[in-house]
Amino acid sequence: MNKLLQRLLSGFLLAGQIILHILQGRIYRLNTFEQMAFVGPASLAIALITAAFVGMVFTIQVAREFIYFGATSAVGGVLAIALTRELAPVLTAVVLAGRVGSAFAAEIGTMKVTEQIDALYVLKTDPIDYLVIPRVLACCFMLPVLTVLSLLMGMTGGLMISDSIYDISSTIFLESIRNFLKVWDVFACVIKSFVFGGIISIIGCNWGLTTSGGAKGVGQSTTAAVVISLIAIFIANFFLSWIMFQGTGGGVIE
């Protein structure tokens, strides 16, 4: 527990250093673009597949109940709100925590135990500038893009199911989305994704930089980075939702 608290504290300190260095313009652009390619295009397929099936499953669970209560026109809107506010940003972040966060922890952890981090210091290169900041920027910028694409894919999956299984026309489905979904919902989705990207990258890099104990330590750091990232995402999601969506809703059921 003591080691976990030390790592959490070092994570907050690392976040402060990252912000300071970015404001100073200490960014390796080539490394950043390489990491953006790894986080974004390389993760696109799994994110879209996940979103499509989540949208279809959600529609199956909701549509039959809404049809029973005579609220067919609300199916598309409810799906859109659920995906935009919660499912798309959270599930995309979970996918990236497993794929990208673990990779960050493993890569940097391996460099740490093999003394490659020390070699960077000898070459007068700050590991935060060279290794951490490109990964943080990549996650913060690419996760919102992946989330928006996942949102569209999830809605498409829901539209296909509602039309083919429940005979809800695409016109009714899309009109419901237009009535329920607000511009703020999309902005909130992007903001959440940006925050989640920072959480995943900072935790992954911090757990990598604090790795010790050889190959066994790398494995432990990788597992711990994913677990802590998931917990942090769910906690941050609660507070972000609490701040963004207080008050009464503005949905329309015709």
C-alpha atoms as a PDB file:
ATOM      1  CA  MET A   1       0.000   0.000   0.000  1.00  0.00           C
ATOM      2  CA  ASN A   2       2.865   2.348   0.852  1.00  0.00           C
ATOM      3  CA  LYS A   3       4.430   1.780  -2.558  1.00  0.00           C
ATOM      4  CA  LEU A   4       1.084   2.424  -4.255  1.00  0.00           C
ATOM      5  CA  LEU A   5       0.709   5.757  -2.446  1.00  0.00           C
ATOM      6  CA  GLN A   6       4.240   6.723  -3.426  1.00  0.00           C
ATOM      7  CA  ARG A   7       3.475   5.926  -7.053  1.00  0.00           C
ATOM      8  CA  LEU A   8       0.236   7.890  -6.954  1.00  0.00           C
ATOM      9  CA  LEU A   9       2.072  10.879  -5.500  1.00  0.00           C
ATOM     10  CA  SER A  10       4.778  10.596  -8.145  1.00  0.00           C
ATOM     11  CA  GLY A  11       2.002  10.484 -10.760  1.00  0.00           C
ATOM     12  CA  PHE A  12       0.655  13.851  -9.589  1.00  0.00           C
ATOM     13  CA  LEU A  13       4.185  15.273  -9.614  1.00  0.00           C
ATOM     14  CA  LEU A  14       4.723  13.890 -13.107  1.00  0.00           C
ATOM     15  CA  ALA A  15       1.495  15.536 -14.286  1.00  0.00           C
ATOM     16  CA  GLY A  16       2.745  18.874 -12.985  1.00  0.00           C
ATOM     17  CA  GLN A  17       6.090  18.446 -14.736  1.00  0.00           C
ATOM     18  CA  ILE A  18       4.336  17.552 -17.989  1.00  0.00           C
ATOM     19  CA  ILE A  19       2.188  20.687 -17.905  1.00  0.00           C
ATOM     20  CA  LEU A  20       5.223  22.863 -17.119  1.00  0.00           C
ATOM     21  CA  HIS A  21       7.340  21.357 -19.899  1.00  0.00           C
ATOM     22  CA  ILE A  22       4.539  21.664 -22.469  1.00  0.00           C
ATOM     23  CA  LEU A  23       4.082  25.345 -21.582  1.00  0.00           C
ATOM     24  CA  GLN A  24       7.817  25.753 -22.128  1.00  0.00           C
ATOM     25  CA  GLY A  25       7.460  24.221 -25.599  1.00  0.00           C
ATOM     26  CA  ARG A  26       9.650  21.203 -24.879  1.00  0.00           C
ATOM     27  CA  ILE A  27       7.975  18.827 -27.316  1.00  0.00           C
ATOM     28  CA  TYR A  28       9.557  16.200 -29.576  1.00  0.00           C
ATOM     29  CA  ARG A  29       7.255  16.453 -32.577  1.00  0.00           C
ATOM     30  CA  LEU A  30       8.471  13.325 -34.403  1.00  0.00           C
ATOM     31  CA  ASN A  31       7.968  11.160 -31.317  1.00  0.00           C
ATOM     32  CA  THR A  32       4.552  12.720 -30.803  1.00  0.00           C
ATOM     33  CA  PHE A  33       3.419  11.883 -34.334  1.00  0.00           C
ATOM     34  CA  GLU A  34       4.691   8.313 -33.968  1.00  0.00           C
ATOM     35  CA  GLN A  35       2.729   7.873 -30.752  1.00  0.00           C
ATOM     36  CA  MET A  36      -0.376   9.437 -32.298  1.00  0.00           C
ATOM     37  CA  ALA A  37      -0.212   6.826 -35.046  1.00  0.00           C
ATOM     38  CA  PHE A  38       0.075   4.085 -32.422  1.00  0.00           C
ATOM     39  CA  VAL A  39      -2.763   5.397 -30.254  1.00  0.00           C
ATOM     40  CA  GLY A  40      -5.114   6.443 -33.059  1.00  0.00           C
ATOM     41  CA  PRO A  41      -5.126   4.480 -36.338  1.00  0.00           C
ATOM     42  CA  ALA A  42      -3.685   1.350 -34.746  1.00  0.00           C
ATOM     43  CA  SER A  43      -6.507   1.312 -32.172  1.00  0.00           C
ATOM     44  CA  LEU A  44      -9.319   2.319 -34.523  1.00  0.00           C
ATOM     45  CA  ALA A  45     -10.555  -1.129 -35.516  1.00  0.00           C
ATOM     46  CA  ILE A  46     -10.967  -2.501 -31.994  1.00  0.00           C
ATOM     47  CA  ALA A  47     -12.636   0.723 -30.813  1.00  0.00           C
ATOM     48  CA  LEU A  48     -15.157   0.692 -33.684  1.00  0.00           C
ATOM     49  CA  ILE A  49     -15.967  -3.009 -33.285  1.00  0.00           C
ATOM     50  CA  THR A  50     -16.557  -2.500 -29.560  1.00  0.00           C
ATOM     51  CA  ALA A  51     -18.775   0.540 -30.165  1.00  0.00           C
ATOM     52  CA  ALA A  52     -20.832  -1.169 -32.870  1.00  0.00           C
ATOM     53  CA  PHE A  53     -21.736  -4.136 -30.698  1.00  0.00           C
ATOM     54  CA  VAL A  54     -22.370  -1.962 -27.648  1.00  0.00           C
ATOM     55  CA  GLY A  55     -24.807   0.124 -29.699  1.00  0.00           C
ATOM     56  CA  MET A  56     -26.560  -2.978 -30.991  1.00  0.00           C
ATOM     57  CA  VAL A  57     -26.811  -4.632 -27.575  1.00  0.00           C
ATOM     58  CA  PHE A  58     -28.076  -1.427 -25.957  1.00  0.00           C
ATOM     59  CA  THR A  59     -30.753  -1.098 -28.638  1.00  0.00           C
ATOM     60  CA  ILE A  60     -31.874  -4.698 -28.146  1.00  0.00           C
ATOM     61  CA  GLN A  61     -32.184  -4.149 -24.393  1.00  0.00           C
ATOM     62  CA  VAL A  62     -34.003  -0.808 -24.641  1.00  0.00           C
ATOM     63  CA  ALA A  63     -36.151  -1.007 -27.776  1.00  0.00           C
ATOM     64  CA  ARG A  64     -38.441  -3.836 -26.678  1.00  0.00           C
ATOM     65  CA  GLU A  65     -39.256  -2.091 -23.400  1.00  0.00           C
ATOM     66  CA  PHE A  66     -39.825   1.278 -25.037  1.00  0.00           C
ATOM     67  CA  ILE A  67     -42.088  -0.265 -27.673  1.00  0.00           C
ATOM     68  CA  TYR A  68     -44.075  -1.984 -24.911  1.00  0.00           C
ATOM     69  CA  PHE A  69     -44.666   1.375 -23.195  1.00  0.00           C
ATOM     70  CA  GLY A  70     -45.450   3.143 -26.483  1.00  0.00           C
ATOM     71  CA  ALA A  71     -42.270   5.233 -26.544  1.00  0.00           C
ATOM     72  CA  THR A  72     -40.906   3.992 -29.857  1.00  0.00           C
ATOM     73  CA  SER A  73     -39.892   7.501 -30.892  1.00  0.00           C
ATOM     74  CA  ALA A  74     -37.484   7.743 -27.946  1.00  0.00           C
ATOM     75  CA  VAL A  75     -35.288   4.737 -28.772  1.00  0.00           C
ATOM     76  CA  GLY A  76     -32.795   6.596 -30.951  1.00  0.00           C
ATOM     77  CA  GLY A  77     -32.550   9.554 -28.591  1.00  0.00           C
ATOM     78  CA  VAL A  78     -31.954   7.425 -25.511  1.00  0.00           C
ATOM     79  CA  LEU A  79     -29.253   5.470 -27.333  1.00  0.00           C
ATOM     80  CA  ALA A  80     -27.610   8.711 -28.495  1.00  0.00           C
ATOM     81  CA  ILE A  81     -27.582  10.184 -24.987  1.00  0.00           C
ATOM     82  CA  ALA A  82     -26.250   6.987 -23.421  1.00  0.00           C
ATOM     83  CA  LEU A  83     -23.489   6.664 -25.987  1.00  0.00           C
ATOM     84  CA  THR A  84     -22.515  10.316 -25.998  1.00  0.00           C
ATOM     85  CA  ARG A  85     -22.525  10.948 -22.275  1.00  0.00           C
ATOM     86  CA  GLU A  86     -21.212   7.652 -20.960  1.00  0.00           C
ATOM     87  CA  LEU A  87     -20.746   4.572 -23.110  1.00  0.00           C
ATOM     88  CA  ALA A  88     -18.616   5.946 -25.948  1.00  0.00           C
ATOM     89  CA  PRO A  89     -16.052   7.900 -23.879  1.00  0.00           C
ATOM     90  CA  VAL A  90     -15.816   5.355 -21.061  1.00  0.00           C
ATOM     91  CA  LEU A  91     -15.643   2.183 -23.154  1.00  0.00           C
ATOM     92  CA  THR A  92     -13.208   3.703 -25.653  1.00  0.00           C
ATOM     93  CA  ALA A  93     -11.025   4.770 -22.738  1.00  0.00           C
ATOM     94  CA  VAL A  94     -11.230   1.268 -21.259  1.00  0.00           C
ATOM     95  CA  VAL A  95     -10.133  -0.227 -24.585  1.00  0.00           C
ATOM     96  CA  LEU A  96      -7.190   2.171 -24.790  1.00  0.00           C
ATOM     97  CA  ALA A  97      -6.232   1.582 -21.168  1.00  0.00           C
ATOM     98  CA  GLY A  98      -5.870  -2.119 -21.947  1.00  0.00           C
ATOM     99  CA  ARG A  99      -4.102  -1.655 -25.248  1.00  0.00           C
ATOM    100  CA  VAL A 100      -2.154   1.606 -24.971  1.00  0.00           C
ATOM    101  CA  GLY A 101      -1.716   2.129 -21.234  1.00  0.00           C
ATOM    102  CA  SER A 102      -0.254  -1.335 -20.804  1.00  0.00           C
ATOM    103  CA  ALA A 103       2.080  -0.775 -23.755  1.00  0.00           C
ATOM    104  CA  PHE A 104       3.341   2.500 -22.274  1.00  0.00           C
ATOM    105  CA  ALA A 105       4.039   0.878 -18.916  1.00  0.00           C
ATOM    106  CA  ALA A 106       5.763  -2.119 -20.509  1.00  0.00           C
ATOM    107  CA  GLU A 107       7.910  -0.091 -22.922  1.00  0.00           C
ATOM    108  CA  ILE A 108       9.076   2.503 -20.427  1.00  0.00           C
ATOM    109  CA  GLY A 109       9.372  -0.099 -17.653  1.00  0.00           C
ATOM    110  CA  THR A 110      11.655  -2.196 -19.830  1.00  0.00           C
ATOM    111  CA  MET A 111      13.757   0.885 -20.607  1.00  0.00           C
ATOM    112  CA  LYS A 112      13.952   1.596 -16.874  1.00  0.00           C
ATOM    113  CA  VAL A 113      15.151  -1.836 -15.768  1.00  0.00           C
ATOM    114  CA  THR A 114      17.623  -2.078 -18.676  1.00  0.00           C
ATOM    115  CA  GLU A 115      19.074   1.341 -17.741  1.00  0.00           C
ATOM    116  CA  GLN A 116      18.072   3.000 -21.017  1.00  0.00           C
ATOM    117  CA  ILE A 117      16.465   5.798 -18.996  1.00  0.00           C
ATOM    118  CA  ASP A 118      19.818   6.432 -17.336  1.00  0.00           C
ATOM    119  CA  ALA A 119      21.428   6.535 -20.776  1.00  0.00           C
ATOM    120  CA  LEU A 120      19.056   9.352 -21.757  1.00  0.00           C
ATOM    121  CA  TYR A 121      20.244  11.367 -18.764  1.00  0.00           C
ATOM    122  CA  VAL A 122      23.858  10.753 -19.816  1.00  0.00           C
ATOM    123  CA  LEU A 123      22.964  12.113 -23.257  1.00  0.00           C
ATOM    124  CA  LYS A 124      21.429  15.166 -21.538  1.00  0.00           C
ATOM    125  CA  THR A 125      17.931  14.208 -22.737  1.00  0.00           C
ATOM    126  CA  ASP A 126      15.048  14.525 -20.300  1.00  0.00           C
ATOM    127  CA  PRO A 127      12.953  11.305 -20.355  1.00  0.00           C
ATOM    128  CA  ILE A 128       9.830  13.347 -19.626  1.00  0.00           C
ATOM    129  CA  ASP A 129      10.330  15.389 -22.790  1.00  0.00           C
ATOM    130  CA  TYR A 130      11.457  12.488 -24.959  1.00  0.00           C
ATOM    131  CA  LEU A 131       9.221   9.652 -23.721  1.00  0.00           C
ATOM    132  CA  VAL A 132       6.338  10.912 -21.615  1.00  0.00           C
ATOM    133  CA  ILE A 133       5.071  14.117 -23.236  1.00  0.00           C
ATOM    134  CA  PRO A 134       4.680  12.579 -26.743  1.00  0.00           C
ATOM    135  CA  ARG A 135       2.585   9.762 -25.250  1.00  0.00           C
ATOM    136  CA  VAL A 136       0.456  12.142 -23.189  1.00  0.00           C
ATOM    137  CA  LEU A 137      -0.226  14.431 -26.143  1.00  0.00           C
ATOM    138  CA  ALA A 138      -1.012  11.454 -28.374  1.00  0.00           C
ATOM    139  CA  CYS A 139      -3.588  10.070 -25.946  1.00  0.00           C
ATOM    140  CA  CYS A 140      -5.163  13.441 -25.170  1.00  0.00           C
ATOM    141  CA  PHE A 141      -5.634  14.296 -28.850  1.00  0.00           C
ATOM    142  CA  MET A 142      -6.403  10.898 -30.361  1.00  0.00           C
ATOM    143  CA  LEU A 143      -8.789   9.531 -27.738  1.00  0.00           C
ATOM    144  CA  PRO A 144     -11.426  12.230 -28.456  1.00  0.00           C
ATOM    145  CA  VAL A 145     -11.177  11.425 -32.168  1.00  0.00           C
ATOM    146  CA  LEU A 146     -11.596   7.710 -31.516  1.00  0.00           C
ATOM    147  CA  THR A 147     -14.498   8.430 -29.176  1.00  0.00           C
ATOM    148  CA  VAL A 148     -16.403  10.498 -31.742  1.00  0.00           C
ATOM    149  CA  LEU A 149     -15.892   7.791 -34.371  1.00  0.00           C
ATOM    150  CA  SER A 150     -17.014   5.160 -31.851  1.00  0.00           C
ATOM    151  CA  LEU A 151     -20.078   7.261 -31.095  1.00  0.00           C
ATOM    152  CA  LEU A 152     -21.046   7.338 -34.763  1.00  0.00           C
ATOM    153  CA  MET A 153     -20.410   3.604 -35.112  1.00  0.00           C
ATOM    154  CA  GLY A 154     -22.487   2.830 -32.018  1.00  0.00           C
ATOM    155  CA  MET A 155     -25.411   4.859 -33.361  1.00  0.00           C
ATOM    156  CA  THR A 156     -25.088   3.132 -36.714  1.00  0.00           C
ATOM    157  CA  GLY A 157     -25.225  -0.270 -35.010  1.00  0.00           C
ATOM    158  CA  GLY A 158     -28.292   0.779 -33.050  1.00  0.00           C
ATOM    159  CA  LEU A 159     -29.963   2.086 -36.200  1.00  0.00           C
ATOM    160  CA  MET A 160     -29.389  -1.215 -37.994  1.00  0.00           C
ATOM    161  CA  ILE A 161     -30.884  -3.243 -35.147  1.00  0.00           C
ATOM    162  CA  SER A 162     -33.889  -0.969 -34.630  1.00  0.00           C
ATOM    163  CA  ASP A 163     -34.688  -1.004 -38.338  1.00  0.00           C
ATOM    164  CA  SER A 164     -34.118  -4.700 -39.029  1.00  0.00           C
ATOM    165  CA  ILE A 165     -35.517  -6.250 -35.830  1.00  0.00           C
ATOM    166  CA  TYR A 166     -37.998  -3.769 -34.378  1.00  0.00           C
ATOM    167  CA  ASP A 167     -39.210  -2.097 -37.603  1.00  0.00           C
ATOM    168  CA  ILE A 168     -38.373   1.390 -36.344  1.00  0.00           C
ATOM    169  CA  SER A 169     -37.741   3.443 -39.475  1.00  0.00           C
ATOM    170  CA  SER A 170     -34.473   5.295 -39.842  1.00  0.00           C
ATOM    171  CA  THR A 171     -36.423   8.572 -40.116  1.00  0.00           C
ATOM    172  CA  ILE A 172     -37.997   8.122 -36.670  1.00  0.00           C
ATOM    173  CA  PHE A 173     -34.690   6.937 -35.216  1.00  0.00           C
ATOM    174  CA  LEU A 174     -32.677   9.911 -36.547  1.00  0.00           C
ATOM    175  CA  GLU A 175     -35.396  12.417 -35.634  1.00  0.00           C
ATOM    176  CA  SER A 176     -35.320  11.069 -32.089  1.00  0.00           C
ATOM    177  CA  ILE A 177     -31.574  11.619 -31.953  1.00  0.00           C
ATOM    178  CA  ARG A 178     -32.032  15.195 -33.171  1.00  0.00           C
ATOM    179  CA  ASN A 179     -34.652  15.897 -30.499  1.00  0.00           C
ATOM    180  CA  PHE A 180     -32.747  14.408 -27.571  1.00  0.00           C
ATOM    181  CA  LEU A 181     -29.076  15.081 -28.319  1.00  0.00           C
ATOM    182  CA  LYS A 182     -27.714  18.545 -27.557  1.00  0.00           C
ATOM    183  CA  VAL A 183     -24.489  20.193 -28.667  1.00  0.00           C
ATOM    184  CA  TRP A 184     -23.299  20.258 -25.059  1.00  0.00           C
ATOM    185  CA  ASP A 185     -23.526  16.465 -24.906  1.00  0.00           C
ATOM    186  CA  VAL A 186     -20.987  16.182 -27.714  1.00  0.00           C
ATOM    187  CA  PHE A 187     -18.688  18.748 -26.092  1.00  0.00           C
ATOM    188  CA  ALA A 188     -18.935  16.857 -22.803  1.00  0.00           C
ATOM    189  CA  CYS A 189     -18.041  13.645 -24.619  1.00  0.00           C
ATOM    190  CA  VAL A 190     -14.893  15.250 -26.052  1.00  0.00           C
ATOM    191  CA  ILE A 191     -13.922  16.785 -22.704  1.00  0.00           C
ATOM    192  CA  LYS A 192     -14.288  13.451 -20.938  1.00  0.00           C
ATOM    193  CA  SER A 193     -12.179  11.729 -23.597  1.00  0.00           C
ATOM    194  CA  PHE A 194      -9.447  14.352 -23.280  1.00  0.00           C
ATOM    195  CA  VAL A 195      -9.294  13.856 -19.510  1.00  0.00           C
ATOM    196  CA  PHE A 196      -9.341  10.063 -19.827  1.00  0.00           C
ATOM    197  CA  GLY A 197      -6.501  10.239 -22.353  1.00  0.00           C
ATOM    198  CA  GLY A 198      -4.397  12.174 -19.868  1.00  0.00           C
ATOM    199  CA  ILE A 199      -5.200   9.711 -17.101  1.00  0.00           C
ATOM    200  CA  ILE A 200      -4.278   6.654 -19.179  1.00  0.00           C
ATOM    201  CA  SER A 201      -1.012   8.083 -20.492  1.00  0.00           C
ATOM    202  CA  ILE A 202       0.208   9.608 -17.218  1.00  0.00           C
ATOM    203  CA  ILE A 203      -0.493   6.470 -15.197  1.00  0.00           C
ATOM    204  CA  GLY A 204       1.054   4.197 -17.836  1.00  0.00           C
ATOM    205  CA  CYS A 205       4.194   6.316 -18.134  1.00  0.00           C
ATOM    206  CA  ASN A 206       4.518   6.872 -14.383  1.00  0.00           C
ATOM    207  CA  TRP A 207       4.211   3.171 -13.586  1.00  0.00           C
ATOM    208  CA  GLY A 208       6.838   2.514 -16.248  1.00  0.00           C
ATOM    209  CA  LEU A 209       9.252   5.117 -14.870  1.00  0.00           C
ATOM    210  CA  THR A 210       8.908   3.738 -11.325  1.00  0.00           C
ATOM    211  CA  THR A 211       9.441   0.095 -12.341  1.00  0.00           C
ATOM    212  CA  SER A 212      12.056  -1.960 -10.518  1.00  0.00           C
ATOM    213  CA  GLY A 213      12.887  -5.626 -10.124  1.00  0.00           C
ATOM    214  CA  GLY A 214      13.703  -6.736 -13.654  1.00  0.00           C
ATOM    215  CA  ALA A 215      11.294  -8.609 -15.919  1.00  0.00           C
ATOM    216  CA  LYS A 216       8.998  -9.500 -13.022  1.00  0.00           C
ATOM    217  CA  GLY A 217       8.736  -5.846 -12.091  1.00  0.00           C
ATOM    218  CA  VAL A 218       7.819  -4.911 -15.661  1.00  0.00           C
ATOM    219  CA  GLY A 219       4.955  -7.398 -15.634  1.00  0.00           C
ATOM    220  CA  GLN A 220       3.711  -6.151 -12.283  1.00  0.00           C
ATOM    221  CA  SER A 221       3.897  -2.528 -13.400  1.00  0.00           C
ATOM    222  CA  THR A 222       2.017  -3.273 -16.605  1.00  0.00           C
ATOM    223  CA  THR A 223      -0.811  -5.019 -14.777  1.00  0.00           C
ATOM    224  CA  ALA A 224      -0.992  -2.374 -12.070  1.00  0.00           C
ATOM    225  CA  ALA A 225      -1.021   0.458 -14.623  1.00  0.00           C
ATOM    226  CA  VAL A 226      -4.080  -0.995 -16.356  1.00  0.00           C
ATOM    227  CA  VAL A 227      -5.949  -1.635 -13.102  1.00  0.00           C
ATOM    228  CA  ILE A 228      -5.220   1.817 -11.667  1.00  0.00           C
ATOM    229  CA  SER A 229      -6.110   3.455 -14.992  1.00  0.00           C
ATOM    230  CA  LEU A 230      -9.506   1.745 -15.049  1.00  0.00           C
ATOM    231  CA  ILE A 231     -10.260   2.749 -11.471  1.00  0.00           C
ATOM    232  CA  ALA A 232      -9.158   6.327 -12.155  1.00  0.00           C
ATOM    233  CA  ILE A 233     -11.310   6.487 -15.308  1.00  0.00           C
ATOM    234  CA  PHE A 234     -14.434   5.382 -13.435  1.00  0.00           C
ATOM    235  CA  ILE A 235     -13.786   7.804 -10.568  1.00  0.00           C
ATOM    236  CA  ALA A 236     -13.088  10.707 -12.933  1.00  0.00           C
ATOM    237  CA  ASN A 237     -16.172   9.804 -14.960  1.00  0.00           C
ATOM    238  CA  PHE A 238     -18.348  10.148 -11.868  1.00  0.00           C
ATOM    239  CA  PHE A 239     -17.062  13.602 -10.996  1.00  0.00           C
ATOM    240  CA  LEU A 240     -17.149  14.827 -14.599  1.00  0.00           C
ATOM    241  CA  SER A 241     -20.731  13.590 -15.015  1.00  0.00           C
ATOM    242  CA  TRP A 242     -21.696  15.176 -11.709  1.00  0.00           C
ATOM    243  CA  ILE A 243     -20.294  18.529 -12.835  1.00  0.00           C
ATOM    244  CA  MET A 244     -21.589  18.445 -16.411  1.00  0.00           C
ATOM    245  CA  PHE A 245     -25.083  16.973 -16.139  1.00  0.00           C
ATOM    246  CA  GLN A 246     -26.689  18.354 -13.004  1.00  0.00           C
ATOM    247  CA  GLY A 247     -30.275  19.576 -13.178  1.00  0.00           C
ATOM    248  CA  THR A 248     -33.279  18.333 -15.109  1.00  0.00           C
ATOM    249  CA  GLY A 249     -33.027  16.783 -18.560  1.00  0.00           C
ATOM    250  CA  GLY A 250     -34.214  18.266 -21.816  1.00  0.00           C
ATOM    251  CA  GLY A 251     -35.306  15.168 -23.734  1.00  0.00           C
ATOM    252  CA  VAL A 252     -38.461  15.187 -25.839  1.00  0.00           C
ATOM    253  CA  ILE A 253     -40.795  12.202 -26.133  1.00  0.00           C
ATOM    254  CA  GLU A 254     -43.512  12.543 -28.686  1.00  0.00           C
END
